Each structure stands twice: as structure tokens, then as C-alpha cells.
């Protein structure tokens, strides 16, 4: 199987369209990474809120 590019420099140059190609990669992967990060942060907040609520309920039931 032959590679479409002769070298890594050719690969990163993308046949003269590097600016458009790599910007599209950044504008695709960037928001996906931010979405994953924010989802993870919301998950952590939710788990903490649930634990806090359970502790409060346990404390109220013993009082």
C-alpha cells in the first residue's frame, strides 16, 4: 500500500490546503473536547450533590 504523502511535511501541508484542513480539525475536535470536559464536570457536581443530599437526609433521620 502506498502512502498519499511522500513525507510528514507533505502530510502536514495537505497539498497546500493545510490552513483549511487543520482549522477544520481544530473546530471539530475543540468543541468535542470542551463538551466532554463539561459533561465530566457536570457529572462530578451531580455526584457531589447527591452525596450531600444523602448525608443531609441521613442526618435528619437520626435527629
C-alpha atoms as a PDB file:
ATOM      1  CA  UNK A   1       0.000   0.000   0.000  1.00  0.00           C
ATOM      2  CA  UNK A   2       1.390   3.385  -0.985  1.00  0.00           C
ATOM      3  CA  UNK A   3       1.087   6.473   1.149  1.00  0.00           C
ATOM      4  CA  UNK A   4      -0.681   9.501  -0.277  1.00  0.00           C
ATOM      5  CA  UNK A   5       2.113  11.717   1.063  1.00  0.00           C
ATOM      6  CA  UNK A   6       5.844  11.451   0.414  1.00  0.00           C
ATOM      7  CA  UNK A   7       6.828  12.816   3.841  1.00  0.00           C
ATOM      8  CA  UNK A   8       5.438  14.079   7.109  1.00  0.00           C
ATOM      9  CA  UNK A   9       5.974  17.653   5.875  1.00  0.00           C
ATOM     10  CA  UNK A  10       3.765  16.893   2.866  1.00  0.00           C
ATOM     11  CA  UNK A  11       1.181  15.369   5.165  1.00  0.00           C
ATOM     12  CA  UNK A  12       1.055  18.459   7.378  1.00  0.00           C
ATOM     13  CA  UNK A  13       0.994  20.755   4.307  1.00  0.00           C
ATOM     14  CA  UNK A  14      -2.048  18.823   2.992  1.00  0.00           C
ATOM     15  CA  UNK A  15      -1.324  19.645  -0.618  1.00  0.00           C
ATOM     16  CA  UNK A  16      -1.429  23.389   0.021  1.00  0.00           C
ATOM     17  CA  UNK A  17      -4.724  23.279   1.919  1.00  0.00           C
ATOM     18  CA  UNK A  18      -3.215  22.914   5.397  1.00  0.00           C
ATOM     19  CA  UNK A  19      -4.831  26.046   6.812  1.00  0.00           C
ATOM     20  CA  UNK A  20      -8.326  24.878   5.895  1.00  0.00           C
ATOM     21  CA  UNK A  21      -7.753  21.253   6.814  1.00  0.00           C
ATOM     22  CA  UNK A  22      -6.176  21.863  10.205  1.00  0.00           C
ATOM     23  CA  UNK A  23      -8.624  24.637  11.099  1.00  0.00           C
ATOM     24  CA  UNK A  24     -11.486  22.263  10.390  1.00  0.00           C
ATOM     25  CA  UNK A  25      -9.830  19.640  12.586  1.00  0.00           C
ATOM     26  CA  UNK A  26      -9.426  22.167  15.418  1.00  0.00           C
ATOM     27  CA  UNK A  27     -13.003  23.451  15.028  1.00  0.00           C
ATOM     28  CA  UNK A  28     -14.271  19.874  15.177  1.00  0.00           C
ATOM     29  CA  UNK A  29     -12.147  18.374  17.940  1.00  0.00           C
ATOM     30  CA  UNK A  30     -12.049  21.535  20.087  1.00  0.00           C
ATOM     31  CA  UNK A  31     -15.787  21.698  20.790  1.00  0.00           C
ATOM     32  CA  UNK A  32     -15.930  17.926  21.237  1.00  0.00           C
ATOM     33  CA  UNK A  33     -13.181  18.132  23.860  1.00  0.00           C
ATOM     34  CA  UNK A  34     -14.961  21.022  25.593  1.00  0.00           C
ATOM     35  CA  UNK A  35     -18.228  19.075  25.551  1.00  0.00           C
ATOM     36  CA  UNK A  36     -16.539  16.035  27.100  1.00  0.00           C
ATOM     37  CA  UNK A  37     -14.879  18.211  29.760  1.00  0.00           C
ATOM     38  CA  UNK A  38     -18.109  20.000  30.659  1.00  0.00           C
ATOM     39  CA  UNK A  39     -20.021  16.696  30.784  1.00  0.00           C
ATOM     40  CA  UNK A  40     -17.406  15.283  33.145  1.00  0.00           C
ATOM     41  CA  UNK A  41     -17.595  18.394  35.346  1.00  0.00           C
ATOM     42  CA  UNK A  42     -21.406  18.233  35.481  1.00  0.00           C
ATOM     43  CA  UNK A  43     -21.223  14.556  36.381  1.00  0.00           C
ATOM     44  CA  UNK A  44     -18.880  15.324  39.275  1.00  0.00           C
ATOM     45  CA  UNK A  45     -21.161  18.139  40.503  1.00  0.00           C
ATOM     46  CA  UNK A  46     -24.200  15.866  40.313  1.00  0.00           C
ATOM     47  CA  UNK A  47     -22.477  13.059  42.242  1.00  0.00           C
ATOM     48  CA  UNK A  48     -21.397  15.541  44.930  1.00  0.00           C
ATOM     49  CA  UNK A  49     -24.907  16.991  45.181  1.00  0.00           C
ATOM     50  CA  UNK A  50     -26.419  13.519  45.539  1.00  0.00           C
ATOM     51  CA  UNK A  51     -23.897  12.586  48.246  1.00  0.00           C
ATOM     52  CA  UNK A  52     -24.595  15.863  50.067  1.00  0.00           C
ATOM     53  CA  UNK A  53     -28.354  15.235  49.906  1.00  0.00           C
ATOM     54  CA  UNK A  54     -27.926  11.669  51.194  1.00  0.00           C
ATOM     55  CA  UNK A  55     -25.789  12.896  54.098  1.00  0.00           C
ATOM     56  CA  UNK A  56     -28.405  15.548  54.925  1.00  0.00           C
ATOM     57  CA  UNK A  57     -31.221  13.002  54.833  1.00  0.00           C
ATOM     58  CA  UNK A  58     -29.245  10.557  56.960  1.00  0.00           C
ATOM     59  CA  UNK A  59     -28.541  13.292  59.497  1.00  0.00           C
ATOM     60  CA  UNK A  60     -32.215  14.323  59.606  1.00  0.00           C
ATOM     61  CA  UNK A  61     -33.406  10.746  60.122  1.00  0.00           C
ATOM     62  CA  UNK A  62     -31.103  10.289  63.144  1.00  0.00           C
ATOM     63  CA  UNK A  63     -32.154  13.580  64.747  1.00  0.00           C
END
